[in-house]
Amino acid sequence: MESIFHEKQEGSLCAQHCLNNLLQGEYFSPVELSSIAQQLDEEERMRMAEGGVQTEEYRTFLQQPSGNMDDSGFFSIQVISNALGVWGLEIVLFNSREYQQLRIDPIHEKAFICNYKEHWFTVRKLGQQWFNLNSLLTGPELISDTYLALFLAQLQQEGYSIFVIRGNLPDCEADQILRIMRVEQQQRPKLIGEDEAQRMSVQHASDAGHTAEEVLLDEDEEELRKALALSRQDMEVEDEEADLRRAIQMSMQGGSDPRSPSATVTAGSSQESGSGEKETLSAEELRRRRQAYFDRQQAQSAAQDRSSAAESEGKDSGSKPDQ
């Protein structure tokens, strides 16, 4: 794996990293790619000038920024295509109808370049094995032949544009070595900055006086407490009327004098004894709940009376003879 050239991400120069990882060497610099982009801009300007330099379209074109590069280090597909043309290489859209009609198994190709939201990276065959040379990774990622087609399909599903590289790639040391030996990868490379992010997370937990495991345990315990609270609340709502009936019955049987300021009645003991807690009702609370219970009973009775009266009126009107 040490023989594989893998240029890691710097700023927004992913197009440069993509090309150099594809060609397996420091073949292009930002200055060289900028020169190609400026040449493309000049060719576009000359084509626009053919329609007249005094036209509104030409003046608008001159005011627009370059579509082939920007200050962040982004370079367009046209720049990449022209850069590869220097080495006699061409790109073909992987998902185009013309290419799909050829029904070529991806493992028989030499390389692919992929783009999504201005990020470029290379997938290349070295020797007899495929590697993901994404500059955002800490190192090359081995891709098996059986997984390659699935990997490309997953990239397409995520919105990537994939281009097939056609032509003879320059000779490189990694390709020569991997033709006579195969490599195995025990651990997949991580994204650049992933270890640092994990370290910062553990450091933050440590500063707060907790280990990373304790933080996870605390989160799990908090979720469990919320679930238990919701469950207990549902049970209390369902059994509220039963609790009130028991409390009213106890007060009427003289189990305690509800008029006494210090009198208390314990309600819902059968349900809440399982949770280890009991709800103690003061005399005032008992009177309030009892009144609310009676009010609900009266409202239900009144609703039933109105319904019966309406049914009776309907029957009477239906039985009257025609005049």
C-alpha atoms as a PDB file:
ATOM      1  CA  MET A   1       0.000   0.000   0.000  1.00  0.00           C
ATOM      2  CA  GLU A   2       2.967   2.305   0.593  1.00  0.00           C
ATOM      3  CA  SER A   3       3.764   2.326  -3.131  1.00  0.00           C
ATOM      4  CA  ILE A   4       0.351   3.818  -4.004  1.00  0.00           C
ATOM      5  CA  PHE A   5       0.441   7.570  -4.584  1.00  0.00           C
ATOM      6  CA  HIS A   6      -2.341   9.191  -2.557  1.00  0.00           C
ATOM      7  CA  GLU A   7      -2.592  12.977  -2.414  1.00  0.00           C
ATOM      8  CA  LYS A   8      -4.665  14.115   0.571  1.00  0.00           C
ATOM      9  CA  GLN A   9      -7.068  17.028   0.633  1.00  0.00           C
ATOM     10  CA  GLU A  10      -5.710  20.571   0.844  1.00  0.00           C
ATOM     11  CA  GLY A  11      -8.216  23.405   0.751  1.00  0.00           C
ATOM     12  CA  SER A  12     -10.598  22.918  -2.194  1.00  0.00           C
ATOM     13  CA  LEU A  13      -8.013  21.476  -4.593  1.00  0.00           C
ATOM     14  CA  CYS A  14      -9.864  18.180  -5.004  1.00  0.00           C
ATOM     15  CA  ALA A  15      -9.661  18.381  -8.831  1.00  0.00           C
ATOM     16  CA  GLN A  16      -5.875  18.518  -8.610  1.00  0.00           C
ATOM     17  CA  HIS A  17      -5.827  15.633  -6.112  1.00  0.00           C
ATOM     18  CA  CYS A  18      -8.190  13.637  -8.323  1.00  0.00           C
ATOM     19  CA  LEU A  19      -5.934  14.017 -11.378  1.00  0.00           C
ATOM     20  CA  ASN A  20      -2.694  13.294  -9.535  1.00  0.00           C
ATOM     21  CA  ASN A  21      -4.140  10.252  -7.767  1.00  0.00           C
ATOM     22  CA  LEU A  22      -5.414   9.003 -11.123  1.00  0.00           C
ATOM     23  CA  LEU A  23      -2.042   9.472 -12.841  1.00  0.00           C
ATOM     24  CA  GLN A  24      -0.147   8.347  -9.708  1.00  0.00           C
ATOM     25  CA  GLY A  25       2.196  11.305  -9.359  1.00  0.00           C
ATOM     26  CA  GLU A  26       2.471  15.069  -9.002  1.00  0.00           C
ATOM     27  CA  TYR A  27       1.501  15.738 -12.587  1.00  0.00           C
ATOM     28  CA  PHE A  28      -0.584  18.895 -12.111  1.00  0.00           C
ATOM     29  CA  SER A  29      -0.346  21.925  -9.839  1.00  0.00           C
ATOM     30  CA  PRO A  30      -2.936  24.646  -9.173  1.00  0.00           C
ATOM     31  CA  VAL A  31      -0.971  27.000 -11.420  1.00  0.00           C
ATOM     32  CA  GLU A  32      -1.085  24.590 -14.365  1.00  0.00           C
ATOM     33  CA  LEU A  33      -4.799  23.914 -13.939  1.00  0.00           C
ATOM     34  CA  SER A  34      -5.475  27.660 -13.645  1.00  0.00           C
ATOM     35  CA  SER A  35      -3.650  28.172 -16.945  1.00  0.00           C
ATOM     36  CA  ILE A  36      -5.931  25.617 -18.617  1.00  0.00           C
ATOM     37  CA  ALA A  37      -8.983  27.310 -17.087  1.00  0.00           C
ATOM     38  CA  GLN A  38      -7.872  30.749 -18.349  1.00  0.00           C
ATOM     39  CA  GLN A  39      -7.359  29.320 -21.825  1.00  0.00           C
ATOM     40  CA  LEU A  40     -10.899  27.935 -21.782  1.00  0.00           C
ATOM     41  CA  ASP A  41     -12.237  31.283 -20.572  1.00  0.00           C
ATOM     42  CA  GLU A  42     -10.489  33.054 -23.454  1.00  0.00           C
ATOM     43  CA  GLU A  43     -11.913  30.603 -25.995  1.00  0.00           C
ATOM     44  CA  GLU A  44     -15.398  31.194 -24.630  1.00  0.00           C
ATOM     45  CA  ARG A  45     -14.882  34.970 -24.788  1.00  0.00           C
ATOM     46  CA  MET A  46     -13.805  34.789 -28.413  1.00  0.00           C
ATOM     47  CA  ARG A  47     -16.895  32.756 -29.329  1.00  0.00           C
ATOM     48  CA  MET A  48     -19.132  35.292 -27.581  1.00  0.00           C
ATOM     49  CA  ALA A  49     -17.353  38.161 -29.408  1.00  0.00           C
ATOM     50  CA  GLU A  50     -18.278  36.652 -32.764  1.00  0.00           C
ATOM     51  CA  GLY A  51     -21.824  37.887 -32.151  1.00  0.00           C
ATOM     52  CA  GLY A  52     -20.559  41.434 -31.636  1.00  0.00           C
ATOM     53  CA  VAL A  53     -18.625  43.053 -28.786  1.00  0.00           C
ATOM     54  CA  GLN A  54     -21.295  45.735 -28.383  1.00  0.00           C
ATOM     55  CA  THR A  55     -24.123  43.311 -27.692  1.00  0.00           C
ATOM     56  CA  GLU A  56     -25.776  43.031 -24.307  1.00  0.00           C
ATOM     57  CA  GLU A  57     -24.964  39.319 -24.185  1.00  0.00           C
ATOM     58  CA  TYR A  58     -21.238  39.976 -24.627  1.00  0.00           C
ATOM     59  CA  ARG A  59     -21.146  42.699 -21.950  1.00  0.00           C
ATOM     60  CA  THR A  60     -23.061  40.432 -19.563  1.00  0.00           C
ATOM     61  CA  PHE A  61     -20.594  37.594 -20.253  1.00  0.00           C
ATOM     62  CA  LEU A  62     -17.623  39.814 -19.388  1.00  0.00           C
ATOM     63  CA  GLN A  63     -19.196  40.717 -16.039  1.00  0.00           C
ATOM     64  CA  GLN A  64     -19.732  37.122 -15.006  1.00  0.00           C
ATOM     65  CA  PRO A  65     -17.070  35.177 -13.046  1.00  0.00           C
ATOM     66  CA  SER A  66     -15.237  32.301 -14.664  1.00  0.00           C
ATOM     67  CA  GLY A  67     -17.184  29.087 -14.936  1.00  0.00           C
ATOM     68  CA  ASN A  68     -13.982  27.041 -15.137  1.00  0.00           C
ATOM     69  CA  MET A  69     -12.364  27.964 -11.821  1.00  0.00           C
ATOM     70  CA  ASP A  70     -12.753  30.092  -8.727  1.00  0.00           C
ATOM     71  CA  ASP A  71     -10.557  31.435  -5.919  1.00  0.00           C
ATOM     72  CA  SER A  72     -11.256  28.427  -3.670  1.00  0.00           C
ATOM     73  CA  GLY A  73      -9.452  26.037  -6.033  1.00  0.00           C
ATOM     74  CA  PHE A  74     -12.470  24.582  -7.830  1.00  0.00           C
ATOM     75  CA  PHE A  75     -11.951  23.503 -11.458  1.00  0.00           C
ATOM     76  CA  SER A  76     -14.664  22.480 -13.917  1.00  0.00           C
ATOM     77  CA  ILE A  77     -15.083  19.210 -15.806  1.00  0.00           C
ATOM     78  CA  GLN A  78     -13.814  21.010 -18.921  1.00  0.00           C
ATOM     79  CA  VAL A  79     -10.519  21.785 -17.161  1.00  0.00           C
ATOM     80  CA  ILE A  80     -10.154  18.166 -16.033  1.00  0.00           C
ATOM     81  CA  SER A  81     -11.006  16.884 -19.510  1.00  0.00           C
ATOM     82  CA  ASN A  82      -8.408  19.156 -21.136  1.00  0.00           C
ATOM     83  CA  ALA A  83      -5.802  18.197 -18.546  1.00  0.00           C
ATOM     84  CA  LEU A  84      -6.357  14.503 -19.254  1.00  0.00           C
ATOM     85  CA  GLY A  85      -6.212  15.226 -22.988  1.00  0.00           C
ATOM     86  CA  VAL A  86      -2.561  16.190 -22.518  1.00  0.00           C
ATOM     87  CA  TRP A  87      -1.917  12.502 -21.740  1.00  0.00           C
ATOM     88  CA  GLY A  88      -4.139  11.191 -24.510  1.00  0.00           C
ATOM     89  CA  LEU A  89      -6.949  10.261 -22.093  1.00  0.00           C
ATOM     90  CA  GLU A  90     -10.666  10.787 -22.593  1.00  0.00           C
ATOM     91  CA  ILE A  91     -13.656  10.706 -20.258  1.00  0.00           C
ATOM     92  CA  VAL A  92     -17.014   9.077 -20.981  1.00  0.00           C
ATOM     93  CA  LEU A  93     -20.113   9.567 -18.858  1.00  0.00           C
ATOM     94  CA  PHE A  94     -20.699   6.243 -17.098  1.00  0.00           C
ATOM     95  CA  ASN A  95     -24.480   6.604 -17.049  1.00  0.00           C
ATOM     96  CA  SER A  96     -24.841   7.709 -20.667  1.00  0.00           C
ATOM     97  CA  ARG A  97     -27.016   5.632 -22.972  1.00  0.00           C
ATOM     98  CA  GLU A  98     -24.101   5.039 -25.360  1.00  0.00           C
ATOM     99  CA  TYR A  99     -21.888   3.583 -22.624  1.00  0.00           C
ATOM    100  CA  GLN A 100     -24.625   1.533 -20.975  1.00  0.00           C
ATOM    101  CA  GLN A 101     -25.444  -0.076 -24.326  1.00  0.00           C
ATOM    102  CA  LEU A 102     -21.909  -1.485 -24.380  1.00  0.00           C
ATOM    103  CA  ARG A 103     -22.744  -3.527 -21.239  1.00  0.00           C
ATOM    104  CA  ILE A 104     -19.148  -3.459 -19.994  1.00  0.00           C
ATOM    105  CA  ASP A 105     -18.458  -4.911 -16.557  1.00  0.00           C
ATOM    106  CA  PRO A 106     -16.842  -2.117 -14.464  1.00  0.00           C
ATOM    107  CA  ILE A 107     -14.019  -4.425 -13.373  1.00  0.00           C
ATOM    108  CA  HIS A 108     -12.768  -4.475 -16.990  1.00  0.00           C
ATOM    109  CA  GLU A 109     -12.238  -0.702 -16.993  1.00  0.00           C
ATOM    110  CA  LYS A 110      -9.063   1.047 -15.824  1.00  0.00           C
ATOM    111  CA  ALA A 111     -10.333   3.945 -13.737  1.00  0.00           C
ATOM    112  CA  PHE A 112     -13.238   6.225 -12.892  1.00  0.00           C
ATOM    113  CA  ILE A 113     -13.439   9.800 -11.682  1.00  0.00           C
ATOM    114  CA  CYS A 114     -16.439  10.841  -9.586  1.00  0.00           C
ATOM    115  CA  ASN A 115     -17.943  14.233  -8.842  1.00  0.00           C
ATOM    116  CA  TYR A 116     -20.561  15.477  -6.402  1.00  0.00           C
ATOM    117  CA  LYS A 117     -21.092  19.105  -5.390  1.00  0.00           C
ATOM    118  CA  GLU A 118     -17.698  20.229  -6.704  1.00  0.00           C
ATOM    119  CA  HIS A 119     -15.780  17.382  -5.039  1.00  0.00           C
ATOM    120  CA  TRP A 120     -13.726  15.129  -7.317  1.00  0.00           C
ATOM    121  CA  PHE A 121     -12.056  11.820  -6.521  1.00  0.00           C
ATOM    122  CA  THR A 122     -10.554   8.833  -8.331  1.00  0.00           C
ATOM    123  CA  VAL A 123     -11.327   5.119  -8.287  1.00  0.00           C
ATOM    124  CA  ARG A 124      -8.513   3.261 -10.051  1.00  0.00           C
ATOM    125  CA  LYS A 125      -7.327  -0.244 -10.790  1.00  0.00           C
ATOM    126  CA  LEU A 126      -3.726  -0.915  -9.778  1.00  0.00           C
ATOM    127  CA  GLY A 127      -2.390  -4.320 -10.705  1.00  0.00           C
ATOM    128  CA  GLN A 128      -5.394  -6.614 -10.314  1.00  0.00           C
ATOM    129  CA  GLN A 129      -7.120  -4.689  -7.509  1.00  0.00           C
ATOM    130  CA  TRP A 130      -9.339  -1.632  -7.257  1.00  0.00           C
ATOM    131  CA  PHE A 131      -8.750   1.291  -4.895  1.00  0.00           C
ATOM    132  CA  ASN A 132     -10.763   4.298  -3.786  1.00  0.00           C
ATOM    133  CA  LEU A 133      -8.250   7.165  -3.874  1.00  0.00           C
ATOM    134  CA  ASN A 134     -10.538   9.822  -2.425  1.00  0.00           C
ATOM    135  CA  SER A 135      -8.393  12.675  -1.128  1.00  0.00           C
ATOM    136  CA  LEU A 136     -10.712  13.005   1.891  1.00  0.00           C
ATOM    137  CA  LEU A 137      -9.549   9.607   3.167  1.00  0.00           C
ATOM    138  CA  THR A 138      -6.440   9.067   5.285  1.00  0.00           C
ATOM    139  CA  GLY A 139      -5.204   6.489   2.755  1.00  0.00           C
ATOM    140  CA  PRO A 140      -6.214   4.296  -0.202  1.00  0.00           C
ATOM    141  CA  GLU A 141      -9.270   2.107   0.348  1.00  0.00           C
ATOM    142  CA  LEU A 142      -9.258  -1.392  -1.156  1.00  0.00           C
ATOM    143  CA  ILE A 143     -12.405  -2.273  -3.141  1.00  0.00           C
ATOM    144  CA  SER A 144     -13.087  -5.897  -4.069  1.00  0.00           C
ATOM    145  CA  ASP A 145     -14.130  -6.829  -7.605  1.00  0.00           C
ATOM    146  CA  THR A 146     -17.501  -8.016  -6.363  1.00  0.00           C
ATOM    147  CA  TYR A 147     -18.120  -4.765  -4.493  1.00  0.00           C
ATOM    148  CA  LEU A 148     -17.016  -2.374  -7.266  1.00  0.00           C
ATOM    149  CA  ALA A 149     -20.308  -2.388  -9.199  1.00  0.00           C
ATOM    150  CA  LEU A 150     -22.275  -1.940  -5.968  1.00  0.00           C
ATOM    151  CA  PHE A 151     -19.950   0.896  -4.903  1.00  0.00           C
ATOM    152  CA  LEU A 152     -20.494   2.760  -8.184  1.00  0.00           C
ATOM    153  CA  ALA A 153     -24.249   2.186  -8.012  1.00  0.00           C
ATOM    154  CA  GLN A 154     -24.292   3.584  -4.474  1.00  0.00           C
ATOM    155  CA  LEU A 155     -22.405   6.688  -5.625  1.00  0.00           C
ATOM    156  CA  GLN A 156     -24.936   7.225  -8.406  1.00  0.00           C
ATOM    157  CA  GLN A 157     -27.779   6.896  -5.925  1.00  0.00           C
ATOM    158  CA  GLU A 158     -26.139   9.546  -3.748  1.00  0.00           C
ATOM    159  CA  GLY A 159     -26.047  11.944  -6.703  1.00  0.00           C
ATOM    160  CA  TYR A 160     -22.489  11.484  -8.008  1.00  0.00           C
ATOM    161  CA  SER A 161     -21.603  11.922 -11.667  1.00  0.00           C
ATOM    162  CA  ILE A 162     -19.215   9.150 -12.730  1.00  0.00           C
ATOM    163  CA  PHE A 163     -16.875   9.257 -15.730  1.00  0.00           C
ATOM    164  CA  VAL A 164     -14.982   6.351 -17.263  1.00  0.00           C
ATOM    165  CA  ILE A 165     -11.330   6.961 -18.154  1.00  0.00           C
ATOM    166  CA  ARG A 166     -10.422   5.784 -21.638  1.00  0.00           C
ATOM    167  CA  GLY A 167      -6.845   5.538 -22.932  1.00  0.00           C
ATOM    168  CA  ASN A 168      -3.476   4.332 -21.640  1.00  0.00           C
ATOM    169  CA  LEU A 169      -2.563   5.619 -18.209  1.00  0.00           C
ATOM    170  CA  PRO A 170       1.112   6.439 -17.508  1.00  0.00           C
ATOM    171  CA  ASP A 171       3.193   3.634 -16.009  1.00  0.00           C
ATOM    172  CA  CYS A 172       3.561   3.794 -12.250  1.00  0.00           C
ATOM    173  CA  GLU A 173       5.395   1.892  -9.537  1.00  0.00           C
ATOM    174  CA  ALA A 174       2.247   0.823  -7.676  1.00  0.00           C
ATOM    175  CA  ASP A 175       0.775  -0.792 -10.808  1.00  0.00           C
ATOM    176  CA  GLN A 176       3.972  -2.729 -11.470  1.00  0.00           C
ATOM    177  CA  ILE A 177       4.226  -4.016  -7.887  1.00  0.00           C
ATOM    178  CA  LEU A 178       0.563  -4.964  -7.593  1.00  0.00           C
ATOM    179  CA  ARG A 179       0.722  -6.947 -10.834  1.00  0.00           C
ATOM    180  CA  ILE A 180       2.916  -9.528  -9.121  1.00  0.00           C
ATOM    181  CA  MET A 181       1.383  -9.403  -5.634  1.00  0.00           C
ATOM    182  CA  ARG A 182      -1.932  -8.702  -3.991  1.00  0.00           C
ATOM    183  CA  VAL A 183      -2.526  -6.636  -0.879  1.00  0.00           C
ATOM    184  CA  GLU A 184      -4.938  -7.133   1.976  1.00  0.00           C
ATOM    185  CA  GLN A 185      -6.424  -4.367   4.083  1.00  0.00           C
ATOM    186  CA  GLN A 186      -7.180  -5.188   7.704  1.00  0.00           C
ATOM    187  CA  GLN A 187      -8.710  -1.822   8.526  1.00  0.00           C
ATOM    188  CA  ARG A 188     -10.490   0.630   6.263  1.00  0.00           C
ATOM    189  CA  PRO A 189      -9.097   4.180   6.184  1.00  0.00           C
ATOM    190  CA  LYS A 190     -11.039   6.875   7.960  1.00  0.00           C
ATOM    191  CA  LEU A 191     -12.057  10.302   6.773  1.00  0.00           C
ATOM    192  CA  ILE A 192      -9.496  12.999   7.409  1.00  0.00           C
ATOM    193  CA  GLY A 193     -10.324  14.677  10.709  1.00  0.00           C
ATOM    194  CA  GLU A 194     -12.461  11.790  11.979  1.00  0.00           C
ATOM    195  CA  ASP A 195      -9.927  10.790  14.648  1.00  0.00           C
ATOM    196  CA  GLU A 196      -9.583  14.411  15.732  1.00  0.00           C
ATOM    197  CA  ALA A 197     -13.358  14.774  16.016  1.00  0.00           C
ATOM    198  CA  GLN A 198     -13.553  11.650  18.183  1.00  0.00           C
ATOM    199  CA  ARG A 199     -10.663  12.864  20.308  1.00  0.00           C
ATOM    200  CA  MET A 200     -12.344  16.227  20.851  1.00  0.00           C
ATOM    201  CA  SER A 201     -15.577  14.475  21.837  1.00  0.00           C
ATOM    202  CA  VAL A 202     -13.773  12.319  24.403  1.00  0.00           C
ATOM    203  CA  GLN A 203     -11.834  15.360  25.650  1.00  0.00           C
ATOM    204  CA  HIS A 204     -15.062  17.298  26.101  1.00  0.00           C
ATOM    205  CA  ALA A 205     -16.557  14.428  28.071  1.00  0.00           C
ATOM    206  CA  SER A 206     -13.393  14.172  30.150  1.00  0.00           C
ATOM    207  CA  ASP A 207     -13.454  17.903  30.930  1.00  0.00           C
ATOM    208  CA  ALA A 208     -16.996  17.469  32.174  1.00  0.00           C
ATOM    209  CA  GLY A 209     -15.825  14.717  34.514  1.00  0.00           C
ATOM    210  CA  HIS A 210     -17.175  11.800  32.479  1.00  0.00           C
ATOM    211  CA  THR A 211     -15.645   9.142  30.274  1.00  0.00           C
ATOM    212  CA  ALA A 212     -17.057   8.532  26.806  1.00  0.00           C
ATOM    213  CA  GLU A 213     -18.778   5.366  28.076  1.00  0.00           C
ATOM    214  CA  GLU A 214     -20.323   7.277  30.968  1.00  0.00           C
ATOM    215  CA  VAL A 215     -21.711   9.879  28.576  1.00  0.00           C
ATOM    216  CA  LEU A 216     -23.345   7.140  26.500  1.00  0.00           C
ATOM    217  CA  LEU A 217     -24.682   5.451  29.639  1.00  0.00           C
ATOM    218  CA  ASP A 218     -26.077   8.753  30.908  1.00  0.00           C
ATOM    219  CA  GLU A 219     -27.878   9.267  27.584  1.00  0.00           C
ATOM    220  CA  ASP A 220     -29.321   5.743  27.716  1.00  0.00           C
ATOM    221  CA  GLU A 221     -30.461   6.210  31.320  1.00  0.00           C
ATOM    222  CA  GLU A 222     -32.109   9.525  30.457  1.00  0.00           C
ATOM    223  CA  GLU A 223     -34.036   7.890  27.596  1.00  0.00           C
ATOM    224  CA  LEU A 224     -35.111   5.089  29.944  1.00  0.00           C
ATOM    225  CA  ARG A 225     -36.314   7.596  32.544  1.00  0.00           C
ATOM    226  CA  LYS A 226     -38.347   9.438  29.908  1.00  0.00           C
ATOM    227  CA  ALA A 227     -39.926   6.183  28.716  1.00  0.00           C
ATOM    228  CA  LEU A 228     -40.824   5.157  32.273  1.00  0.00           C
ATOM    229  CA  ALA A 229     -42.295   8.588  32.991  1.00  0.00           C
ATOM    230  CA  LEU A 230     -44.472   8.449  29.879  1.00  0.00           C
ATOM    231  CA  SER A 231     -45.596   4.919  30.737  1.00  0.00           C
ATOM    232  CA  ARG A 232     -46.432   5.914  34.311  1.00  0.00           C
ATOM    233  CA  GLN A 233     -48.325   8.967  33.086  1.00  0.00           C
ATOM    234  CA  ASP A 234     -50.436   6.849  30.713  1.00  0.00           C
ATOM    235  CA  MET A 235     -51.258   4.391  33.491  1.00  0.00           C
ATOM    236  CA  GLU A 236     -52.269   7.209  35.841  1.00  0.00           C
ATOM    237  CA  VAL A 237     -54.598   8.725  33.242  1.00  0.00           C
ATOM    238  CA  GLU A 238     -56.255   5.369  32.558  1.00  0.00           C
ATOM    239  CA  ASP A 239     -56.807   4.608  36.261  1.00  0.00           C
ATOM    240  CA  GLU A 240     -57.761   8.113  37.426  1.00  0.00           C
ATOM    241  CA  GLU A 241     -61.504   7.423  37.714  1.00  0.00           C
ATOM    242  CA  ALA A 242     -60.863   4.129  39.522  1.00  0.00           C
ATOM    243  CA  ASP A 243     -58.649   5.973  42.018  1.00  0.00           C
ATOM    244  CA  LEU A 244     -61.337   8.598  42.590  1.00  0.00           C
ATOM    245  CA  ARG A 245     -64.008   5.938  43.153  1.00  0.00           C
ATOM    246  CA  ARG A 246     -61.858   4.240  45.778  1.00  0.00           C
ATOM    247  CA  ALA A 247     -61.049   7.546  47.462  1.00  0.00           C
ATOM    248  CA  ILE A 248     -64.722   8.589  47.550  1.00  0.00           C
ATOM    249  CA  GLN A 249     -65.780   5.217  48.889  1.00  0.00           C
ATOM    250  CA  MET A 250     -63.183   5.368  51.649  1.00  0.00           C
ATOM    251  CA  SER A 251     -64.247   8.854  52.668  1.00  0.00           C
ATOM    252  CA  MET A 252     -67.927   7.850  52.751  1.00  0.00           C
ATOM    253  CA  GLN A 253     -67.175   4.761  54.829  1.00  0.00           C
ATOM    254  CA  GLY A 254     -65.588   6.944  57.460  1.00  0.00           C
ATOM    255  CA  GLY A 255     -62.062   5.685  56.912  1.00  0.00           C
ATOM    256  CA  SER A 256     -61.069   9.271  57.645  1.00  0.00           C
ATOM    257  CA  ASP A 257     -62.833  12.549  58.179  1.00  0.00           C
ATOM    258  CA  PRO A 258     -62.434  14.571  54.987  1.00  0.00           C
ATOM    259  CA  ARG A 259     -63.491  17.739  56.822  1.00  0.00           C
ATOM    260  CA  SER A 260     -60.468  17.544  59.066  1.00  0.00           C
ATOM    261  CA  PRO A 261     -57.590  19.699  57.709  1.00  0.00           C
ATOM    262  CA  SER A 262     -55.085  16.971  58.525  1.00  0.00           C
ATOM    263  CA  ALA A 263     -57.089  14.080  57.075  1.00  0.00           C
ATOM    264  CA  THR A 264     -55.508  12.235  54.143  1.00  0.00           C
ATOM    265  CA  VAL A 265     -56.585   9.374  51.907  1.00  0.00           C
ATOM    266  CA  THR A 266     -54.226   7.113  49.920  1.00  0.00           C
ATOM    267  CA  ALA A 267     -55.520   6.417  46.394  1.00  0.00           C
ATOM    268  CA  GLY A 268     -54.299   4.176  43.601  1.00  0.00           C
ATOM    269  CA  SER A 269     -52.240   1.947  45.875  1.00  0.00           C
ATOM    270  CA  SER A 270     -52.755  -1.169  43.762  1.00  0.00           C
ATOM    271  CA  GLN A 271     -51.320   0.448  40.628  1.00  0.00           C
ATOM    272  CA  GLU A 272     -48.592   2.582  42.126  1.00  0.00           C
ATOM    273  CA  SER A 273     -47.282   0.093  44.640  1.00  0.00           C
ATOM    274  CA  GLY A 274     -45.485  -1.565  41.716  1.00  0.00           C
ATOM    275  CA  SER A 275     -43.462   1.593  41.110  1.00  0.00           C
ATOM    276  CA  GLY A 276     -42.628   2.006  44.797  1.00  0.00           C
ATOM    277  CA  GLU A 277     -44.576   5.287  45.147  1.00  0.00           C
ATOM    278  CA  LYS A 278     -47.995   6.209  46.636  1.00  0.00           C
ATOM    279  CA  GLU A 279     -50.094   9.261  45.924  1.00  0.00           C
ATOM    280  CA  THR A 280     -51.383  10.899  49.152  1.00  0.00           C
ATOM    281  CA  LEU A 281     -54.486  13.092  48.766  1.00  0.00           C
ATOM    282  CA  SER A 282     -55.163  15.919  51.187  1.00  0.00           C
ATOM    283  CA  ALA A 283     -58.750  16.704  52.203  1.00  0.00           C
ATOM    284  CA  GLU A 284     -58.860  19.722  49.892  1.00  0.00           C
ATOM    285  CA  GLU A 285     -57.492  17.722  46.967  1.00  0.00           C
ATOM    286  CA  LEU A 286     -59.965  14.928  47.651  1.00  0.00           C
ATOM    287  CA  ARG A 287     -62.912  17.359  47.637  1.00  0.00           C
ATOM    288  CA  ARG A 288     -61.677  18.932  44.401  1.00  0.00           C
ATOM    289  CA  ARG A 289     -61.297  15.602  42.598  1.00  0.00           C
ATOM    290  CA  ARG A 290     -64.576  14.282  43.946  1.00  0.00           C
ATOM    291  CA  GLN A 291     -66.402  17.380  42.698  1.00  0.00           C
ATOM    292  CA  ALA A 292     -64.748  17.008  39.274  1.00  0.00           C
ATOM    293  CA  TYR A 293     -65.819  13.359  39.184  1.00  0.00           C
ATOM    294  CA  PHE A 294     -69.448  14.242  40.040  1.00  0.00           C
ATOM    295  CA  ASP A 295     -69.442  17.000  37.415  1.00  0.00           C
ATOM    296  CA  ARG A 296     -68.364  14.534  34.737  1.00  0.00           C
ATOM    297  CA  GLN A 297     -71.027  12.038  35.820  1.00  0.00           C
ATOM    298  CA  GLN A 298     -73.736  14.726  35.678  1.00  0.00           C
ATOM    299  CA  ALA A 299     -72.569  15.894  32.256  1.00  0.00           C
ATOM    300  CA  GLN A 300     -72.715  12.338  30.908  1.00  0.00           C
ATOM    301  CA  SER A 301     -76.206  11.839  32.402  1.00  0.00           C
ATOM    302  CA  ALA A 302     -77.465  15.090  30.873  1.00  0.00           C
ATOM    303  CA  ALA A 303     -76.071  14.091  27.479  1.00  0.00           C
ATOM    304  CA  GLN A 304     -77.877  10.759  27.686  1.00  0.00           C
ATOM    305  CA  ASP A 305     -81.158  12.515  28.631  1.00  0.00           C
ATOM    306  CA  ARG A 306     -80.894  14.851  25.647  1.00  0.00           C
ATOM    307  CA  SER A 307     -80.225  11.921  23.338  1.00  0.00           C
ATOM    308  CA  SER A 308     -83.257  10.005  24.669  1.00  0.00           C
ATOM    309  CA  ALA A 309     -85.495  13.076  24.289  1.00  0.00           C
ATOM    310  CA  ALA A 310     -84.384  13.560  20.703  1.00  0.00           C
ATOM    311  CA  GLU A 311     -85.148   9.937  19.872  1.00  0.00           C
ATOM    312  CA  SER A 312     -88.601  10.244  21.481  1.00  0.00           C
ATOM    313  CA  GLU A 313     -89.434  13.370  19.471  1.00  0.00           C
ATOM    314  CA  GLY A 314     -88.392  11.613  16.304  1.00  0.00           C
ATOM    315  CA  LYS A 315     -90.715   8.698  16.986  1.00  0.00           C
ATOM    316  CA  ASP A 316     -93.642  11.018  17.818  1.00  0.00           C
ATOM    317  CA  SER A 317     -93.286  13.017  14.612  1.00  0.00           C
ATOM    318  CA  GLY A 318     -93.108   9.853  12.568  1.00  0.00           C
ATOM    319  CA  SER A 319     -96.336   8.443  14.052  1.00  0.00           C
ATOM    320  CA  LYS A 320     -98.568  11.544  13.444  1.00  0.00           C
ATOM    321  CA  PRO A 321    -101.271  10.975  10.725  1.00  0.00           C
ATOM    322  CA  ASP A 322    -101.387  13.173   7.668  1.00  0.00           C
ATOM    323  CA  GLN A 323    -103.873  16.027   7.882  1.00  0.00           C
END
